[in-house]
Amino acid sequence: MAQSGHYAFPGISPKCGVNMKRIRRQFKEEISVVLRDYRRALCLALLVICASPAFGQEEAAAGGGENASNPLASVTNVDLRLKYLDLTNDLGRVNDLFVDGAFMVSPKLKIKYELHYWETNVTGTSQSGLETAVLKTIYFPKQGILDNGTKYKVAIGLDLIVDFGNQDKGIGMGADQVGPFVGIALSMPSGLTLIPLVQQFLSVSGEDVNITAARVIALQPLAKQRWLKADVIIPYDWETDTVPAQAELQFGINVNQQVALYVDGLVGLGHDRIFDWGVGVGLRVKY
């Protein structure tokens, strides 16, 4: 499920008589007109990316032995994924079918992309449609090896999240968003990789969204080309003062050098959780 954000105008005091909400809404409406015109172009670009294995030629120079379940790994892959979420308070279900891929533009620049299609019954009847398209740019300004042999890689980046306007069907958050983030990957000599990240989601059109999310990923390789990943996300929603946290456990196996399979187990955390539990499956193609 896509997370989300909100615009503020520092320097303009409410005491001067300016209607802040109206200014913000007008600004978002103007931006949304532009973003709607680019939705189809973005989706077309994602399809072109998915069909462009030539981008993978940079992978060898960027460290192609990393696991693509690490979002900061310098790899080229396309994953086809399906997740089922059982929503809280008997609100229904969400089936999220999506493409999740990445390619290296250069050893220091990575592009990730997602295209989500939902089936859900939160409105009382089964509804389906495109939810969001996500384009993520990741830049690696610094990497190296610490004295204890731990490899590190610093990352900064930006998400562009485009909503397809199917909120009347119970699909999506009804907001186009940007999401700047910073993180670091720490690869221990034991093989364990830890990836802490912090990201801010802000809406630029549609519903107000302002979410700050902390995320920690632990990725451990296992014997016989298997791996285990734990992923905990703790977001704070400034609009609703809630913390809809969640955790995911993933088990995967590399069938060969090009193909991997994995399963996911998900659980919502805390009183503000959006879903109670979930499961997922994925097929990964590396090139």
Protein backbone atom coordinates (compact mmCIF):
# COMPACT_ATOMS: atom_id res chain seq x y z
CA MET A 1 0.00 0.00 0.00
CA ALA A 2 1.39 3.38 -0.88
CA GLN A 3 2.12 5.69 2.00
CA SER A 4 1.73 9.42 1.75
CA GLY A 5 2.10 14.02 2.62
CA HIS A 6 1.20 17.87 2.70
CA TYR A 7 2.43 21.35 1.91
CA ALA A 8 3.15 24.11 4.39
CA PHE A 9 3.83 27.79 3.65
CA PRO A 10 6.28 29.06 6.31
CA GLY A 11 6.51 32.80 6.71
CA ILE A 12 2.76 33.45 6.23
CA SER A 13 1.05 33.90 9.57
CA PRO A 14 -2.63 32.99 10.03
CA LYS A 15 -2.99 36.35 11.81
CA CYS A 16 -2.56 38.28 8.56
CA GLY A 17 -5.94 37.04 7.37
CA VAL A 18 -4.70 34.64 4.71
CA ASN A 19 -6.82 31.51 4.31
CA MET A 20 -4.06 28.92 4.45
CA LYS A 21 -6.26 25.95 3.61
CA ARG A 22 -7.68 27.69 0.55
CA ILE A 23 -4.20 28.66 -0.71
CA ARG A 24 -2.95 25.14 -0.18
CA ARG A 25 -5.98 23.63 -1.92
CA GLN A 26 -5.65 25.97 -4.90
CA PHE A 27 -1.97 25.14 -5.20
CA LYS A 28 -2.69 21.41 -5.14
CA GLU A 29 -5.46 21.75 -7.73
CA GLU A 30 -3.11 23.54 -10.11
CA ILE A 31 -0.43 20.89 -9.62
CA SER A 32 -2.95 18.06 -10.02
CA VAL A 33 -3.94 19.29 -13.49
CA VAL A 34 -0.33 18.97 -14.59
CA LEU A 35 0.15 15.59 -12.92
CA ARG A 36 -3.00 14.14 -14.50
CA ASP A 37 -1.60 15.01 -17.92
CA TYR A 38 1.57 13.07 -17.10
CA ARG A 39 -0.06 9.94 -15.64
CA ARG A 40 -0.30 8.10 -18.95
CA ALA A 41 3.20 9.23 -19.91
CA LEU A 42 4.56 7.88 -16.62
CA CYS A 43 2.82 4.52 -17.07
CA LEU A 44 4.15 4.28 -20.61
CA ALA A 45 7.64 5.07 -19.32
CA LEU A 46 7.33 2.29 -16.74
CA LEU A 47 6.35 -0.20 -19.43
CA VAL A 48 9.31 0.88 -21.54
CA ILE A 49 11.61 0.45 -18.54
CA CYS A 50 10.28 -3.06 -17.87
CA ALA A 51 11.08 -4.01 -21.48
CA SER A 52 14.61 -2.57 -21.46
CA PRO A 53 17.16 -5.20 -20.41
CA ALA A 54 19.96 -3.06 -21.84
CA PHE A 55 19.94 -1.07 -18.60
CA GLY A 56 21.31 -4.15 -16.82
CA GLN A 57 24.70 -3.69 -18.51
CA GLU A 58 25.72 -1.34 -15.69
CA GLU A 59 25.07 -3.95 -13.01
CA ALA A 60 28.46 -5.70 -13.13
CA ALA A 61 30.28 -2.47 -12.38
CA ALA A 62 27.82 -1.61 -9.61
CA GLY A 63 28.01 -4.82 -7.59
CA GLY A 64 25.60 -7.29 -9.17
CA GLY A 65 25.97 -9.95 -6.43
CA GLU A 66 23.62 -8.18 -4.01
CA ASN A 67 20.10 -9.38 -3.16
CA ALA A 68 17.36 -7.38 -4.89
CA SER A 69 15.20 -7.63 -1.73
CA ASN A 70 17.51 -4.90 -0.43
CA PRO A 71 16.07 -1.68 -1.94
CA LEU A 72 19.58 -0.13 -1.91
CA ALA A 73 21.21 -3.04 -3.74
CA SER A 74 22.95 -2.22 -7.01
CA VAL A 75 21.02 -4.72 -9.11
CA THR A 76 18.76 -4.94 -12.14
CA ASN A 77 15.57 -6.98 -11.77
CA VAL A 78 11.83 -7.18 -12.43
CA ASP A 79 9.52 -8.76 -9.83
CA LEU A 80 5.90 -9.79 -10.33
CA ARG A 81 4.21 -9.77 -6.91
CA LEU A 82 0.82 -10.45 -5.34
CA LYS A 83 -0.11 -9.47 -1.79
CA TYR A 84 -3.31 -10.18 0.13
CA LEU A 85 -4.20 -7.97 3.13
CA ASP A 86 -6.96 -8.64 5.65
CA LEU A 87 -8.06 -5.19 6.80
CA THR A 88 -8.81 -4.26 10.40
CA ASN A 89 -12.32 -3.97 11.88
CA ASP A 90 -13.76 -6.30 9.22
CA LEU A 91 -13.40 -3.58 6.59
CA GLY A 92 -12.63 -6.12 3.89
CA ARG A 93 -9.62 -7.18 1.88
CA VAL A 94 -7.06 -5.86 -0.58
CA ASN A 95 -5.41 -7.93 -3.32
CA ASP A 96 -2.43 -5.94 -4.60
CA LEU A 97 -0.96 -7.21 -7.89
CA PHE A 98 2.08 -5.22 -8.91
CA VAL A 99 5.28 -4.99 -10.90
CA ASP A 100 8.32 -4.04 -8.80
CA GLY A 101 11.56 -3.52 -10.68
CA ALA A 102 14.86 -1.69 -10.80
CA PHE A 103 17.82 -0.94 -13.03
CA MET A 104 21.20 0.75 -12.64
CA VAL A 105 21.76 3.87 -14.74
CA SER A 106 25.34 4.02 -13.41
CA PRO A 107 27.18 2.62 -10.37
CA LYS A 108 25.95 5.64 -8.37
CA LEU A 109 22.39 5.98 -9.72
CA LYS A 110 19.51 3.49 -9.47
CA ILE A 111 15.92 3.73 -10.70
CA LYS A 112 13.13 1.69 -9.10
CA TYR A 113 9.55 1.52 -10.38
CA GLU A 114 6.23 0.02 -9.32
CA LEU A 115 2.79 -0.27 -10.91
CA HIS A 116 -0.02 -1.42 -8.58
CA TYR A 117 -3.40 -2.94 -9.53
CA TRP A 118 -5.92 -3.55 -6.71
CA GLU A 119 -8.95 -5.73 -6.17
CA THR A 120 -10.82 -4.82 -2.97
CA ASN A 121 -14.25 -5.03 -1.35
CA VAL A 122 -13.96 -2.13 1.12
CA THR A 123 -17.00 -0.44 -0.48
CA GLY A 124 -19.15 -3.53 0.10
CA THR A 125 -18.73 -4.95 -3.41
CA SER A 126 -15.69 -6.15 -5.31
CA GLN A 127 -13.95 -3.30 -7.14
CA SER A 128 -10.74 -3.29 -9.15
CA GLY A 129 -8.47 -0.82 -10.90
CA LEU A 130 -5.03 0.75 -11.02
CA GLU A 131 -3.94 2.17 -7.66
CA THR A 132 -0.56 3.93 -8.04
CA ALA A 133 2.53 4.20 -10.19
CA VAL A 134 5.78 4.82 -8.32
CA LEU A 135 9.06 6.09 -9.75
CA LYS A 136 11.98 6.08 -7.27
CA THR A 137 15.36 7.67 -7.95
CA ILE A 138 18.23 6.55 -5.68
CA TYR A 139 21.67 8.17 -5.62
CA PHE A 140 24.65 6.63 -3.82
CA PRO A 141 26.99 9.53 -2.86
CA LYS A 142 29.39 7.46 -0.75
CA GLN A 143 30.31 3.85 -0.09
CA GLY A 144 33.27 2.02 1.39
CA ILE A 145 34.49 -0.41 4.04
CA LEU A 146 34.74 0.26 7.78
CA ASP A 147 37.66 -0.88 9.96
CA ASN A 148 35.74 -3.97 11.12
CA GLY A 149 35.18 -5.11 7.53
CA THR A 150 31.57 -3.90 7.29
CA LYS A 151 30.69 -2.54 3.87
CA TYR A 152 28.52 0.58 3.83
CA LYS A 153 26.55 2.41 1.17
CA VAL A 154 24.83 5.77 1.77
CA ALA A 155 21.70 6.53 -0.26
CA ILE A 156 19.51 9.57 -0.84
CA GLY A 157 16.51 9.61 -3.12
CA LEU A 158 13.03 10.71 -4.06
CA ASP A 159 9.77 8.87 -4.76
CA LEU A 160 7.17 10.20 -7.18
CA ILE A 161 3.83 8.52 -6.45
CA VAL A 162 0.99 9.07 -8.93
CA ASP A 163 -2.54 8.11 -7.85
CA PHE A 164 -4.96 6.89 -10.54
CA GLY A 165 -8.05 8.51 -9.02
CA ASN A 166 -9.99 5.36 -8.07
CA GLN A 167 -10.66 6.36 -4.48
CA ASP A 168 -14.43 6.08 -5.09
CA LYS A 169 -13.81 2.34 -5.53
CA GLY A 170 -11.87 2.17 -2.26
CA ILE A 171 -8.59 2.06 -4.17
CA GLY A 172 -5.64 4.22 -3.18
CA MET A 173 -5.27 7.30 -0.99
CA GLY A 174 -6.53 9.86 -3.52
CA ALA A 175 -3.29 11.85 -3.50
CA ASP A 176 -0.27 12.35 -5.73
CA GLN A 177 2.83 12.44 -3.55
CA VAL A 178 6.56 12.99 -3.35
CA GLY A 179 8.73 11.14 -0.86
CA PRO A 180 12.33 12.22 -0.19
CA PHE A 181 14.36 9.72 1.83
CA VAL A 182 17.81 8.92 3.20
CA GLY A 183 19.25 5.56 4.22
CA ILE A 184 22.35 3.43 4.61
CA ALA A 185 23.08 -0.24 3.88
CA LEU A 186 25.50 -1.97 6.27
CA SER A 187 26.76 -5.35 5.03
CA MET A 188 28.45 -7.24 7.88
CA PRO A 189 31.27 -9.78 7.39
CA SER A 190 28.83 -12.42 8.69
CA GLY A 191 26.60 -11.80 5.65
CA LEU A 192 23.86 -9.94 7.54
CA THR A 193 22.78 -6.66 5.91
CA LEU A 194 21.02 -3.93 7.91
CA ILE A 195 19.26 -1.07 6.10
CA PRO A 196 17.79 1.77 8.21
CA LEU A 197 15.86 4.43 6.25
CA VAL A 198 13.82 7.56 6.99
CA GLN A 199 11.30 8.94 4.48
CA GLN A 200 8.88 11.88 4.36
CA PHE A 201 5.71 11.56 2.25
CA LEU A 202 4.00 14.80 1.13
CA SER A 203 0.96 15.21 -1.08
CA VAL A 204 1.12 17.59 -4.02
CA SER A 205 -2.49 17.11 -5.11
CA GLY A 206 -5.63 15.44 -3.82
CA GLU A 207 -6.05 14.47 -0.18
CA ASP A 208 -3.75 15.97 2.45
CA VAL A 209 -0.92 13.58 3.28
CA ASN A 210 1.97 14.23 5.67
CA ILE A 211 3.69 11.08 6.90
CA THR A 212 7.15 10.54 8.35
CA ALA A 213 8.24 6.89 8.20
CA ALA A 214 11.13 5.07 9.84
CA ARG A 215 12.04 1.72 8.30
CA VAL A 216 14.55 -1.00 9.22
CA ILE A 217 15.35 -3.97 6.97
CA ALA A 218 17.46 -6.97 7.99
CA LEU A 219 18.54 -9.35 5.22
CA GLN A 220 20.30 -12.63 5.98
CA PRO A 221 21.57 -15.07 3.34
CA LEU A 222 20.99 -18.76 4.13
CA ALA A 223 22.42 -22.01 2.83
CA LYS A 224 21.45 -23.44 -0.56
CA GLN A 225 20.81 -20.02 -2.21
CA ARG A 226 18.04 -19.06 0.22
CA TRP A 227 17.50 -15.84 2.15
CA LEU A 228 15.43 -14.38 4.97
CA LYS A 229 14.34 -10.75 5.23
CA ALA A 230 12.63 -8.85 8.07
CA ASP A 231 11.15 -5.44 7.27
CA VAL A 232 9.58 -3.12 9.89
CA ILE A 233 7.93 0.19 8.92
CA ILE A 234 6.86 2.69 11.61
CA PRO A 235 5.12 5.71 10.04
CA TYR A 236 3.71 8.71 11.90
CA ASP A 237 0.71 10.35 10.22
CA TRP A 238 0.77 14.05 11.12
CA GLU A 239 -2.74 14.58 9.74
CA THR A 240 -4.41 11.96 11.97
CA ASP A 241 -1.85 11.57 14.80
CA THR A 242 -1.72 7.81 14.20
CA VAL A 243 1.06 5.23 13.81
CA PRO A 244 -0.09 2.54 11.31
CA ALA A 245 3.00 0.33 11.74
CA GLN A 246 3.59 -2.98 10.00
CA ALA A 247 6.14 -5.80 9.75
CA GLU A 248 6.99 -8.25 6.99
CA LEU A 249 8.96 -11.48 6.95
CA GLN A 250 10.17 -12.80 3.60
CA PHE A 251 11.67 -16.19 2.71
CA GLY A 252 13.17 -16.66 -0.73
CA ILE A 253 15.21 -19.00 -2.89
CA ASN A 254 17.36 -18.37 -5.94
CA VAL A 255 16.29 -21.02 -8.45
CA ASN A 256 19.25 -20.10 -10.66
CA GLN A 257 21.25 -16.97 -11.51
CA GLN A 258 18.30 -15.37 -13.32
CA VAL A 259 15.20 -16.49 -11.40
CA ALA A 260 14.14 -16.33 -7.73
CA LEU A 261 10.92 -17.13 -5.86
CA TYR A 262 9.77 -15.86 -2.46
CA VAL A 263 6.86 -15.73 -0.02
CA ASP A 264 5.90 -12.95 2.39
CA GLY A 265 4.09 -12.89 5.71
CA LEU A 266 2.79 -9.53 6.94
CA VAL A 267 1.25 -8.29 10.18
CA GLY A 268 -0.15 -4.91 11.21
CA LEU A 269 1.24 -3.51 14.47
CA GLY A 270 -0.42 -1.43 17.19
CA HIS A 271 -3.88 0.05 17.64
CA ASP A 272 -3.61 2.19 14.49
CA ARG A 273 -2.78 -0.66 12.13
CA ILE A 274 -4.47 -0.63 8.70
CA PHE A 275 -4.53 -4.41 8.30
CA ASP A 276 -4.38 -7.38 10.68
CA TRP A 277 -2.38 -9.81 8.57
CA GLY A 278 -1.33 -10.53 5.02
CA VAL A 279 0.50 -12.94 2.75
CA GLY A 280 2.34 -12.52 -0.51
CA VAL A 281 4.23 -14.32 -3.26
CA GLY A 282 6.78 -13.07 -5.75
CA LEU A 283 8.63 -14.10 -8.90
CA ARG A 284 11.92 -12.30 -9.60
CA VAL A 285 13.76 -12.16 -12.91
CA LYS A 286 17.34 -10.83 -12.80
CA TYR A 287 19.17 -9.67 -15.91
